Amino acid sequence: MQIVERREAQGRLKIGQPVAIIDIGSNSVRLVAYEGLARAVTPIYNEKVLCGLGRHVATTGRLDDDAVDRALRALARFKVLCETMHVSQVFVLATAAARDASNGPDFLQAAAEACGRPINLLSGAEEARFSALGVVAGFHNPDGIVGDMGGGSLELVDVKGSRVGEGVTLRLGGLALQDLSGGSPKKAQKIVRAALEKAPEYLESLHGRTFYAVGGTWRALARLHQATWDYPLHVMHSYTLNPQDGLDFLRLVEEVDTKTLKDIESVSEARRPLLCYGAVLLEEIIRLGQPKEIAISAYGVREGLLFDRLDPQTRALDPLLSAASDFNLLRSRSPRHGEELREWTDAFVQSLGLPETETERRLRHAGCLLADIGWRAHPDYRGEQSLNLIAYGAFAGLDHPGRAYLALSIFFRHEGLSPDKVSSRIKSLAGPRLMERARLLAAMMRVAYPVSVAMDGILPQAPLRARDGHVILQLPARLEPLANERLTGRMKGIAKLLTMEPVIEIVG
């Protein structure tokens, strides 16, 4: 009863009604419904139908009749699904295939009738802008060139922080390349090189920056790359490839029959014929643009459109901390405690004189907000379940080492500080520095929770400080009975980690 009252007093998470986007692309028609319009959007339903609307448009100039029929059936289904989910707003977008085909207007009219909504036919410039805004929504301070490869076109646009430049659209989508090259990757390479020569400013400005790869074909390539290297975290968003190492992999995809590739089962059959064209295009972008890294983005036009509809104050929020706050409100016993834990660790880190980057600080803050999300699980599995919730959660503004840090922090909070208790693969993903930071944050949490019992209002009365080679926990006299063997053991744990001496002071 006490927990319920605390949650009511602090206010519940305001989600609002679901919103949805129907994206009529050149390769697929997709419905994504989101929990609500927010800085950190959470998908509640995602379905795509690979219709291939853009197939042969580059050579025939028309949408294929069978593809149109499949798309209209998918749209009618999506209409019913949106009604079933009580979606408050449905945005319907159409892109390159409908834009370029001579029978595009007739198709759009039939599509609007099928889904019961007006359809926004995006121009190439609009498609580029929304793709870039999707990257702004999904990454923390992005800096580079966004490349959105669809079935019919490639959009390139420069992005730095929240600033989005003007984009360019090139007919370099997977289906378009397959069509124009007659199914020959070598001919496709010549087409790509000729087209990219028309946008030299984008490739020149890419040097030494990040290339943000948006689109299903590039995600499929990344999924295959993960499977090939037995990568420990099967999350696409923010997965990065080293350009030089990636070139050998891309050339392999271009040159061999996809059926012979190891782990090809990780890619859907419908996507496999387009893998080589995605590889050809990405190889040329790496060769000409010389980026420092390739970052895969699961955020694109859909998320960019929703981001564009937020007010300026909400757009300015940190996406990771927004998502962590939502988790905290939904899953913690006392959400305000997570905020107090953040301030409590701030004071300790400051007293410790520990150098901390802006990225490390925001990760620690997110960890404090996520610290109690596994409390409903059986005690024997809280660490494991928390690790999985965080490692595979729908977080934006978070790279893979950061995911590993957050997951490890909460795992060690529940399971103890020994690094031997967790897989070496996720430890290697975090790296040595973040690994030790995860253990330190967990050590702080392991002191905090026996004092506060996850309830707010206690930690401000019990500061933790580092001073003169000692880790000192101050307890007011009324909390002196808390200083039992369990708490002293936790103090010894953090002191050992820092090569200091533990002290519990009773004050007042």
Protein backbone atom coordinates (compact mmCIF):
# COMPACT_ATOMS: atom_id res chain seq x y z
CA MET A 1 0.00 0.00 0.00
CA GLN A 2 2.84 2.33 0.80
CA ILE A 3 4.37 1.84 -2.65
CA VAL A 4 1.09 2.66 -4.40
CA GLU A 5 0.65 5.83 -2.38
CA ARG A 6 4.16 6.97 -3.19
CA ARG A 7 3.63 6.42 -6.89
CA GLU A 8 0.33 8.30 -6.82
CA ALA A 9 1.90 11.18 -4.94
CA GLN A 10 4.73 11.46 -7.43
CA GLY A 11 2.49 11.24 -10.50
CA ARG A 12 2.28 8.51 -13.08
CA LEU A 13 3.86 8.45 -16.51
CA LYS A 14 1.81 10.40 -19.03
CA ILE A 15 1.85 8.41 -22.26
CA GLY A 16 -1.24 9.53 -24.13
CA GLN A 17 -2.88 7.50 -26.88
CA PRO A 18 -0.87 5.50 -29.41
CA VAL A 19 0.21 7.09 -32.68
CA ALA A 20 1.08 5.18 -35.83
CA ILE A 21 2.89 5.64 -39.12
CA ILE A 22 2.17 3.72 -42.30
CA ASP A 23 5.19 3.95 -44.57
CA ILE A 24 4.58 3.07 -48.24
CA GLY A 25 8.11 2.48 -49.45
CA SER A 26 9.60 1.18 -52.65
CA ASN A 27 10.37 -2.22 -51.16
CA SER A 28 8.05 -2.60 -48.17
CA VAL A 29 4.80 -1.26 -46.78
CA ARG A 30 5.13 -1.00 -43.02
CA LEU A 31 2.97 -0.13 -40.02
CA VAL A 32 4.63 0.98 -36.80
CA ALA A 33 2.49 1.98 -33.82
CA TYR A 34 4.12 3.80 -30.92
CA GLU A 35 3.08 4.05 -27.29
CA GLY A 36 2.72 7.80 -27.63
CA LEU A 37 4.34 10.94 -28.96
CA ALA A 38 7.45 11.46 -26.80
CA ARG A 39 11.16 12.25 -26.96
CA ALA A 40 11.95 8.56 -26.60
CA VAL A 41 9.31 6.75 -28.65
CA THR A 42 8.52 3.11 -27.87
CA PRO A 43 7.09 0.87 -30.61
CA ILE A 44 4.17 -1.27 -29.48
CA TYR A 45 3.52 -2.93 -32.83
CA ASN A 46 5.59 -3.32 -36.00
CA GLU A 47 4.59 -5.16 -39.18
CA LYS A 48 5.89 -4.97 -42.72
CA VAL A 49 4.87 -6.52 -46.02
CA LEU A 50 7.57 -6.73 -48.70
CA CYS A 51 5.52 -5.66 -51.71
CA GLY A 52 8.30 -4.52 -54.05
CA LEU A 53 6.40 -1.51 -55.37
CA GLY A 54 9.60 -0.03 -56.78
CA ARG A 55 10.63 -3.13 -58.71
CA HIS A 56 11.02 -2.29 -62.44
CA VAL A 57 9.92 1.35 -61.96
CA ALA A 58 13.37 2.54 -63.06
CA THR A 59 12.99 0.77 -66.45
CA THR A 60 9.23 0.58 -67.06
CA GLY A 61 8.19 3.77 -65.29
CA ARG A 62 5.22 1.96 -63.72
CA LEU A 63 4.30 0.26 -60.47
CA ASP A 64 3.82 -3.47 -60.99
CA ASP A 65 0.17 -4.57 -60.81
CA ASP A 66 0.85 -7.49 -58.46
CA ALA A 67 2.89 -5.25 -56.15
CA VAL A 68 0.08 -2.69 -56.10
CA ASP A 69 -2.43 -5.41 -55.21
CA ARG A 70 -0.24 -6.64 -52.33
CA ALA A 71 0.24 -3.10 -51.06
CA LEU A 72 -3.50 -2.32 -51.10
CA ARG A 73 -4.28 -5.51 -49.18
CA ALA A 74 -1.62 -4.60 -46.61
CA LEU A 75 -3.03 -1.10 -46.21
CA ALA A 76 -6.55 -2.43 -45.65
CA ARG A 77 -5.18 -4.73 -42.95
CA PHE A 78 -3.24 -1.89 -41.33
CA LYS A 79 -6.40 0.21 -41.18
CA VAL A 80 -8.14 -2.49 -39.12
CA LEU A 81 -5.10 -2.93 -36.87
CA CYS A 82 -4.99 0.81 -36.12
CA GLU A 83 -8.68 0.77 -35.22
CA THR A 84 -8.11 -2.25 -32.97
CA MET A 85 -5.24 -0.48 -31.14
CA HIS A 86 -7.31 2.72 -30.76
CA VAL A 87 -4.58 4.73 -32.43
CA SER A 88 -5.25 8.44 -32.01
CA GLN A 89 -3.29 9.64 -35.05
CA VAL A 90 -2.19 7.79 -38.17
CA PHE A 91 0.35 9.36 -40.52
CA VAL A 92 0.63 7.77 -43.95
CA LEU A 93 3.77 8.43 -46.00
CA ALA A 94 4.72 7.44 -49.53
CA THR A 95 8.19 7.77 -51.01
CA ALA A 96 10.22 7.15 -54.16
CA ALA A 97 8.22 4.45 -55.96
CA ALA A 98 4.91 6.31 -55.85
CA ARG A 99 6.77 9.55 -56.59
CA ASP A 100 8.51 8.27 -59.73
CA ALA A 101 5.90 5.99 -61.33
CA SER A 102 3.54 7.20 -64.04
CA ASN A 103 0.67 5.34 -62.36
CA GLY A 104 1.70 6.64 -58.95
CA PRO A 105 -1.24 9.08 -58.65
CA ASP A 106 -3.79 6.33 -59.37
CA PHE A 107 -2.12 4.08 -56.82
CA LEU A 108 -2.11 6.81 -54.15
CA GLN A 109 -5.81 7.42 -54.64
CA ALA A 110 -6.55 3.71 -54.22
CA ALA A 111 -4.17 3.52 -51.26
CA ALA A 112 -5.92 6.41 -49.49
CA GLU A 113 -9.22 4.58 -49.86
CA ALA A 114 -7.71 1.32 -48.58
CA CYS A 115 -6.21 2.80 -45.42
CA GLY A 116 -8.88 5.44 -44.87
CA ARG A 117 -6.34 8.24 -44.51
CA PRO A 118 -4.87 10.96 -46.73
CA ILE A 119 -1.37 10.11 -47.95
CA ASN A 120 1.59 12.47 -47.72
CA LEU A 121 3.75 11.93 -50.81
CA LEU A 122 7.18 13.06 -49.67
CA SER A 123 9.52 14.87 -52.01
CA GLY A 124 13.14 13.74 -52.08
CA ALA A 125 14.12 16.75 -49.97
CA GLU A 126 11.42 15.98 -47.40
CA GLU A 127 12.46 12.33 -47.26
CA ALA A 128 16.09 13.37 -46.65
CA ARG A 129 15.10 15.83 -43.93
CA PHE A 130 12.94 13.33 -42.03
CA SER A 131 15.67 10.68 -42.28
CA ALA A 132 18.16 13.12 -40.80
CA LEU A 133 15.74 14.10 -38.04
CA GLY A 134 15.36 10.41 -37.27
CA VAL A 135 19.12 10.23 -36.69
CA VAL A 136 18.94 13.37 -34.51
CA ALA A 137 16.20 11.63 -32.51
CA GLY A 138 18.14 8.37 -32.20
CA PHE A 139 21.73 9.45 -31.53
CA HIS A 140 23.37 11.64 -28.91
CA ASN A 141 24.89 14.68 -30.70
CA PRO A 142 25.27 13.03 -34.13
CA ASP A 143 27.95 14.37 -36.46
CA GLY A 144 28.23 13.10 -40.00
CA ILE A 145 26.29 12.21 -43.13
CA VAL A 146 22.98 10.37 -43.06
CA GLY A 147 22.42 7.94 -45.92
CA ASP A 148 18.90 6.50 -46.22
CA MET A 149 18.87 3.65 -48.74
CA GLY A 150 15.38 2.58 -49.68
CA GLY A 151 14.18 0.45 -52.55
CA GLY A 152 13.98 3.32 -55.03
CA SER A 153 16.36 6.01 -53.85
CA LEU A 154 19.24 7.08 -51.63
CA GLU A 155 18.98 10.29 -49.61
CA LEU A 156 22.13 11.98 -48.32
CA VAL A 157 22.07 14.80 -45.80
CA ASP A 158 24.58 16.39 -43.43
CA VAL A 159 23.73 16.44 -39.73
CA LYS A 160 25.59 17.94 -36.75
CA GLY A 161 23.90 17.97 -33.36
CA SER A 162 20.37 19.19 -34.01
CA ARG A 163 21.31 20.99 -37.21
CA VAL A 164 20.15 19.35 -40.44
CA GLY A 165 21.47 20.46 -43.80
CA GLU A 166 19.84 20.28 -47.20
CA GLY A 167 19.65 16.79 -48.64
CA VAL A 168 20.04 15.25 -52.06
CA THR A 169 18.13 12.32 -53.58
CA LEU A 170 19.82 9.86 -55.94
CA ARG A 171 18.26 6.91 -57.78
CA LEU A 172 20.40 4.38 -55.91
CA GLY A 173 17.86 2.32 -54.02
CA GLY A 174 18.27 -1.45 -53.95
CA LEU A 175 15.43 -2.25 -56.35
CA ALA A 176 16.43 0.59 -58.68
CA LEU A 177 20.02 -0.67 -58.83
CA GLN A 178 18.87 -4.23 -59.42
CA ASP A 179 16.61 -3.01 -62.22
CA LEU A 180 19.01 -0.58 -63.91
CA SER A 181 21.96 -3.00 -63.75
CA GLY A 182 20.01 -5.95 -65.10
CA GLY A 183 20.91 -7.87 -61.96
CA SER A 184 24.68 -7.34 -62.32
CA PRO A 185 26.55 -6.05 -59.24
CA LYS A 186 29.48 -4.98 -61.47
CA LYS A 187 27.19 -2.79 -63.59
CA ALA A 188 25.56 -1.53 -60.41
CA GLN A 189 28.98 -0.40 -59.19
CA LYS A 190 29.45 1.75 -62.31
CA ILE A 191 25.98 3.24 -61.86
CA VAL A 192 26.75 4.04 -58.20
CA ARG A 193 30.07 5.71 -59.01
CA ALA A 194 28.53 7.87 -61.72
CA ALA A 195 25.67 8.94 -59.46
CA LEU A 196 27.86 9.71 -56.45
CA GLU A 197 30.01 11.98 -58.61
CA LYS A 198 26.98 14.28 -58.74
CA ALA A 199 27.06 14.78 -54.95
CA PRO A 200 30.77 15.33 -54.19
CA GLU A 201 30.13 17.80 -51.36
CA TYR A 202 28.46 15.13 -49.21
CA LEU A 203 31.31 12.66 -49.61
CA GLU A 204 33.98 15.31 -49.07
CA SER A 205 32.35 16.45 -45.84
CA LEU A 206 32.12 12.83 -44.66
CA HIS A 207 35.91 12.47 -44.26
CA GLY A 208 36.75 11.50 -40.66
CA ARG A 209 33.09 11.69 -39.55
CA THR A 210 30.33 9.10 -39.07
CA PHE A 211 28.19 7.68 -41.84
CA TYR A 212 24.71 6.93 -40.44
CA ALA A 213 23.26 4.06 -42.48
CA VAL A 214 19.46 4.09 -42.56
CA GLY A 215 17.28 1.52 -44.32
CA GLY A 216 16.32 -2.14 -44.26
CA THR A 217 18.96 -3.38 -46.70
CA TRP A 218 21.81 -1.91 -44.66
CA ARG A 219 20.28 -3.23 -41.43
CA ALA A 220 20.15 -6.68 -43.05
CA LEU A 221 23.84 -6.39 -43.97
CA ALA A 222 24.65 -5.42 -40.40
CA ARG A 223 22.62 -8.36 -39.08
CA LEU A 224 24.63 -10.69 -41.30
CA HIS A 225 27.86 -9.05 -40.13
CA GLN A 226 26.85 -9.59 -36.49
CA ALA A 227 26.03 -13.23 -37.13
CA THR A 228 29.28 -13.79 -39.01
CA TRP A 229 31.35 -12.45 -36.11
CA ASP A 230 29.16 -13.96 -33.39
CA TYR A 231 28.58 -10.49 -31.96
CA PRO A 232 27.20 -10.66 -28.39
CA LEU A 233 24.51 -7.96 -28.63
CA HIS A 234 21.84 -8.52 -31.29
CA VAL A 235 20.70 -4.89 -31.41
CA MET A 236 20.86 -3.01 -34.70
CA HIS A 237 20.64 0.59 -33.52
CA SER A 238 24.10 2.15 -33.06
CA TYR A 239 25.89 -1.01 -34.21
CA THR A 240 29.14 0.24 -35.74
CA LEU A 241 31.44 -1.13 -38.41
CA ASN A 242 35.04 -0.16 -38.89
CA PRO A 243 35.22 1.01 -42.53
CA GLN A 244 38.44 -0.79 -43.41
CA ASP A 245 37.45 -4.06 -41.77
CA GLY A 246 34.01 -3.76 -43.31
CA LEU A 247 35.31 -3.52 -46.88
CA ASP A 248 36.39 -7.17 -47.00
CA PHE A 249 32.98 -8.23 -45.71
CA LEU A 250 31.16 -6.05 -48.26
CA ARG A 251 33.22 -7.40 -51.15
CA LEU A 252 32.45 -10.93 -50.03
CA VAL A 253 28.71 -10.17 -50.12
CA GLU A 254 29.05 -8.68 -53.60
CA GLU A 255 31.03 -11.53 -55.09
CA VAL A 256 29.47 -14.75 -53.82
CA ASP A 257 26.04 -16.31 -54.04
CA THR A 258 24.19 -15.17 -50.93
CA LYS A 259 22.98 -18.74 -50.39
CA THR A 260 26.56 -19.76 -49.59
CA LEU A 261 27.16 -17.07 -46.98
CA LYS A 262 27.56 -18.25 -43.42
CA ASP A 263 24.55 -17.38 -41.22
CA ILE A 264 22.51 -16.12 -44.20
CA GLU A 265 19.45 -17.44 -42.29
CA SER A 266 19.73 -14.31 -40.12
CA VAL A 267 18.43 -12.32 -43.12
CA SER A 268 14.90 -12.75 -44.47
CA GLU A 269 14.66 -14.42 -47.88
CA ALA A 270 12.99 -11.39 -49.42
CA ARG A 271 15.95 -9.17 -48.43
CA ARG A 272 18.72 -11.45 -49.69
CA PRO A 273 18.66 -10.49 -53.41
CA LEU A 274 19.26 -6.83 -52.49
CA LEU A 275 22.20 -7.42 -50.13
CA CYS A 276 24.80 -7.18 -52.88
CA TYR A 277 23.45 -3.79 -54.02
CA GLY A 278 23.54 -2.45 -50.48
CA ALA A 279 27.11 -3.73 -50.23
CA VAL A 280 28.12 -2.11 -53.55
CA LEU A 281 26.71 1.26 -52.49
CA LEU A 282 28.20 1.18 -49.00
CA GLU A 283 31.61 0.13 -50.37
CA GLU A 284 31.68 3.12 -52.72
CA ILE A 285 30.62 5.50 -49.96
CA ILE A 286 33.44 4.20 -47.76
CA ARG A 287 35.96 4.40 -50.61
CA LEU A 288 35.02 7.94 -51.66
CA GLY A 289 33.91 9.40 -48.33
CA GLN A 290 36.49 7.83 -45.97
CA PRO A 291 34.30 7.97 -42.85
CA LYS A 292 35.74 7.11 -39.43
CA GLU A 293 32.90 4.63 -38.79
CA ILE A 294 29.61 3.30 -40.11
CA ALA A 295 26.77 3.51 -37.57
CA ILE A 296 23.57 1.60 -38.25
CA SER A 297 20.43 3.56 -37.43
CA ALA A 298 17.12 1.89 -36.66
CA TYR A 299 15.65 5.40 -36.64
CA GLY A 300 14.70 6.98 -39.95
CA VAL A 301 11.88 8.77 -41.75
CA ARG A 302 9.14 7.53 -39.40
CA GLU A 303 10.88 8.56 -36.20
CA GLY A 304 12.01 11.79 -37.84
CA LEU A 305 8.44 12.76 -38.65
CA LEU A 306 7.37 12.17 -35.03
CA PHE A 307 10.40 14.05 -33.72
CA ASP A 308 9.47 16.98 -35.95
CA ARG A 309 6.06 17.18 -34.29
CA LEU A 310 7.49 17.64 -30.79
CA ASP A 311 7.74 21.06 -29.20
CA PRO A 312 11.26 22.59 -29.04
CA GLN A 313 11.65 21.90 -25.31
CA THR A 314 10.89 18.20 -25.74
CA ARG A 315 13.15 17.89 -28.79
CA ALA A 316 16.02 19.30 -26.71
CA LEU A 317 15.77 16.50 -24.11
CA ASP A 318 18.37 13.74 -23.91
CA PRO A 319 16.77 10.63 -25.51
CA LEU A 320 18.59 8.18 -23.23
CA LEU A 321 17.68 9.98 -20.01
CA SER A 322 14.10 10.40 -21.23
CA ALA A 323 13.79 6.65 -21.85
CA ALA A 324 15.48 5.83 -18.53
CA SER A 325 13.06 8.17 -16.75
CA ASP A 326 10.12 6.38 -18.36
CA PHE A 327 11.49 3.00 -17.22
CA ASN A 328 12.00 4.43 -13.75
CA LEU A 329 8.41 5.68 -13.53
CA LEU A 330 6.93 2.47 -14.89
CA ARG A 331 9.01 -0.14 -13.03
CA SER A 332 10.66 1.28 -9.90
CA ARG A 333 9.22 0.98 -6.40
CA SER A 334 9.76 4.67 -5.75
CA PRO A 335 10.66 6.65 -8.88
CA ARG A 336 11.86 9.67 -6.90
CA HIS A 337 14.46 7.43 -5.30
CA GLY A 338 16.16 7.02 -8.68
CA GLU A 339 16.49 10.79 -8.95
CA GLU A 340 17.88 11.03 -5.43
CA LEU A 341 20.32 8.22 -6.18
CA ARG A 342 21.58 10.22 -9.15
CA GLU A 343 22.29 13.25 -6.95
CA TRP A 344 23.75 11.04 -4.19
CA THR A 345 26.27 9.51 -6.63
CA ASP A 346 27.03 12.98 -8.05
CA ALA A 347 28.22 14.12 -4.63
CA PHE A 348 30.31 11.00 -4.06
CA VAL A 349 31.99 11.15 -7.49
CA GLN A 350 32.80 14.81 -6.89
CA SER A 351 34.33 14.08 -3.48
CA LEU A 352 36.33 11.26 -5.03
CA GLY A 353 37.81 13.64 -7.62
CA LEU A 354 37.13 11.03 -10.29
CA PRO A 355 37.63 12.32 -13.85
CA GLU A 356 34.36 11.79 -15.73
CA THR A 357 33.46 12.70 -19.30
CA GLU A 358 30.07 14.11 -20.23
CA THR A 359 29.17 10.76 -21.79
CA GLU A 360 30.21 8.83 -18.67
CA ARG A 361 28.18 11.18 -16.47
CA ARG A 362 24.99 10.78 -18.50
CA LEU A 363 25.48 6.99 -18.50
CA ARG A 364 25.83 7.01 -14.70
CA HIS A 365 22.69 9.13 -14.41
CA ALA A 366 20.80 6.70 -16.66
CA GLY A 367 22.07 3.81 -14.53
CA CYS A 368 20.66 5.40 -11.38
CA LEU A 369 17.26 5.74 -13.03
CA LEU A 370 17.35 2.09 -14.14
CA ALA A 371 18.70 0.70 -10.86
CA ASP A 372 15.42 -0.67 -9.51
CA ILE A 373 13.61 -1.87 -12.64
CA GLY A 374 14.14 -5.57 -11.85
CA TRP A 375 12.71 -5.65 -8.34
CA ARG A 376 9.64 -7.71 -9.25
CA ALA A 377 11.77 -10.64 -10.48
CA HIS A 378 12.74 -13.55 -8.26
CA PRO A 379 15.83 -12.53 -6.22
CA ASP A 380 17.95 -15.22 -7.88
CA TYR A 381 17.29 -13.75 -11.33
CA ARG A 382 17.11 -9.99 -10.76
CA GLY A 383 20.60 -9.42 -12.06
CA GLU A 384 20.13 -11.50 -15.19
CA GLN A 385 16.69 -10.09 -15.98
CA SER A 386 17.83 -6.50 -15.45
CA LEU A 387 20.83 -7.10 -17.71
CA ASN A 388 18.59 -8.41 -20.49
CA LEU A 389 16.00 -5.65 -20.10
CA ILE A 390 18.67 -2.99 -20.46
CA ALA A 391 20.95 -4.63 -23.03
CA TYR A 392 18.01 -5.28 -25.39
CA GLY A 393 15.77 -2.35 -24.43
CA ALA A 394 14.41 0.18 -26.94
CA PHE A 395 16.90 2.90 -25.99
CA ALA A 396 18.00 5.76 -28.22
CA GLY A 397 21.03 7.99 -27.75
CA LEU A 398 23.04 4.98 -26.58
CA ASP A 399 25.91 3.15 -28.28
CA HIS A 400 26.71 -0.51 -27.68
CA PRO A 401 29.52 0.03 -25.13
CA GLY A 402 27.08 2.25 -23.22
CA ARG A 403 24.44 -0.48 -23.29
CA ALA A 404 26.97 -2.93 -21.89
CA TYR A 405 27.94 -0.47 -19.13
CA LEU A 406 24.33 0.08 -18.05
CA ALA A 407 23.48 -3.62 -18.15
CA LEU A 408 26.60 -4.55 -16.18
CA SER A 409 26.02 -1.82 -13.58
CA ILE A 410 22.61 -3.16 -12.63
CA PHE A 411 23.76 -6.78 -12.92
CA PHE A 412 26.60 -6.16 -10.45
CA ARG A 413 24.22 -4.24 -8.20
CA HIS A 414 22.21 -7.44 -7.72
CA GLU A 415 24.87 -10.13 -8.13
CA GLY A 416 27.94 -8.63 -6.44
CA LEU A 417 31.04 -6.93 -7.80
CA SER A 418 33.03 -9.92 -9.04
CA PRO A 419 33.76 -9.50 -12.77
CA ASP A 420 33.83 -13.29 -13.11
CA LYS A 421 30.06 -13.51 -12.68
CA VAL A 422 29.29 -12.20 -16.16
CA SER A 423 30.14 -13.26 -19.72
CA SER A 424 33.51 -12.09 -21.02
CA ARG A 425 31.81 -11.12 -24.29
CA ILE A 426 29.68 -8.37 -22.79
CA LYS A 427 32.63 -7.23 -20.67
CA SER A 428 34.73 -6.86 -23.81
CA LEU A 429 31.93 -4.87 -25.42
CA ALA A 430 32.02 -2.34 -22.55
CA GLY A 431 35.81 -2.10 -22.57
CA PRO A 432 38.12 -1.86 -19.52
CA ARG A 433 37.26 1.72 -18.48
CA LEU A 434 33.47 1.38 -18.65
CA MET A 435 33.73 -2.06 -17.03
CA GLU A 436 35.40 -0.56 -13.96
CA ARG A 437 32.95 2.36 -13.94
CA ALA A 438 30.10 -0.15 -13.98
CA ARG A 439 31.52 -1.94 -10.93
CA LEU A 440 31.98 1.39 -9.11
CA LEU A 441 28.40 2.50 -9.79
CA ALA A 442 27.15 -0.91 -8.66
CA ALA A 443 29.25 -0.61 -5.48
CA MET A 444 27.60 2.76 -4.72
CA MET A 445 24.16 1.25 -5.30
CA ARG A 446 24.97 -1.72 -3.05
CA VAL A 447 25.61 0.76 -0.23
CA ALA A 448 22.57 2.91 -1.02
CA TYR A 449 19.84 0.26 -1.09
CA PRO A 450 20.37 -1.30 2.41
CA VAL A 451 20.00 2.25 3.76
CA SER A 452 17.07 3.53 1.66
CA VAL A 453 15.22 0.27 0.92
CA ALA A 454 14.46 1.90 -2.47
CA MET A 455 12.30 4.57 -0.80
CA ASP A 456 12.74 8.28 -1.41
CA GLY A 457 13.67 10.80 1.27
CA ILE A 458 16.41 8.70 2.93
CA LEU A 459 19.55 9.10 0.79
CA PRO A 460 19.72 12.92 1.25
CA GLN A 461 20.11 12.20 4.97
CA ALA A 462 22.90 9.66 4.47
CA PRO A 463 25.67 11.15 2.30
CA LEU A 464 28.56 9.05 1.01
CA ARG A 465 31.90 10.85 0.73
CA ALA A 466 35.56 10.12 0.00
CA ARG A 467 38.01 11.90 2.30
CA ASP A 468 41.64 11.35 3.30
CA GLY A 469 41.80 7.80 2.00
CA HIS A 470 38.45 6.81 3.55
CA VAL A 471 35.00 6.07 2.16
CA ILE A 472 32.64 7.59 4.72
CA LEU A 473 28.91 6.94 5.03
CA GLN A 474 27.16 9.32 7.40
CA LEU A 475 24.00 8.12 9.14
CA PRO A 476 21.77 10.24 11.38
CA ALA A 477 21.38 8.83 14.88
CA ARG A 478 17.86 7.61 14.19
CA LEU A 479 19.22 5.39 11.38
CA GLU A 480 22.08 3.93 13.45
CA PRO A 481 20.38 0.49 13.67
CA LEU A 482 20.91 0.16 9.89
CA ALA A 483 24.67 -0.18 10.42
CA ASN A 484 24.60 -3.97 10.63
CA GLU A 485 26.83 -6.65 9.08
CA ARG A 486 25.13 -6.32 5.71
CA LEU A 487 25.80 -2.60 5.39
CA THR A 488 29.35 -2.85 6.73
CA GLY A 489 30.02 -5.61 4.21
CA ARG A 490 28.81 -3.36 1.37
CA MET A 491 31.05 -0.56 2.66
CA LYS A 492 34.03 -2.90 2.67
CA GLY A 493 33.21 -3.79 -0.95
CA ILE A 494 33.32 -0.22 -2.26
CA ALA A 495 36.37 0.61 -0.12
CA LYS A 496 38.25 -2.37 -1.51
CA LEU A 497 37.39 -1.35 -5.06
CA LEU A 498 38.84 2.13 -4.38
CA THR A 499 41.76 0.94 -2.22
CA MET A 500 40.44 2.96 0.72
CA GLU A 501 39.21 2.32 4.24
CA PRO A 502 35.47 2.13 5.06
CA VAL A 503 33.93 4.25 7.81
CA ILE A 504 30.31 4.57 9.00
CA GLU A 505 29.81 7.80 10.97
CA ILE A 506 26.80 8.37 13.23
CA VAL A 507 25.96 12.07 13.40
CA GLY A 508 23.49 14.19 15.36
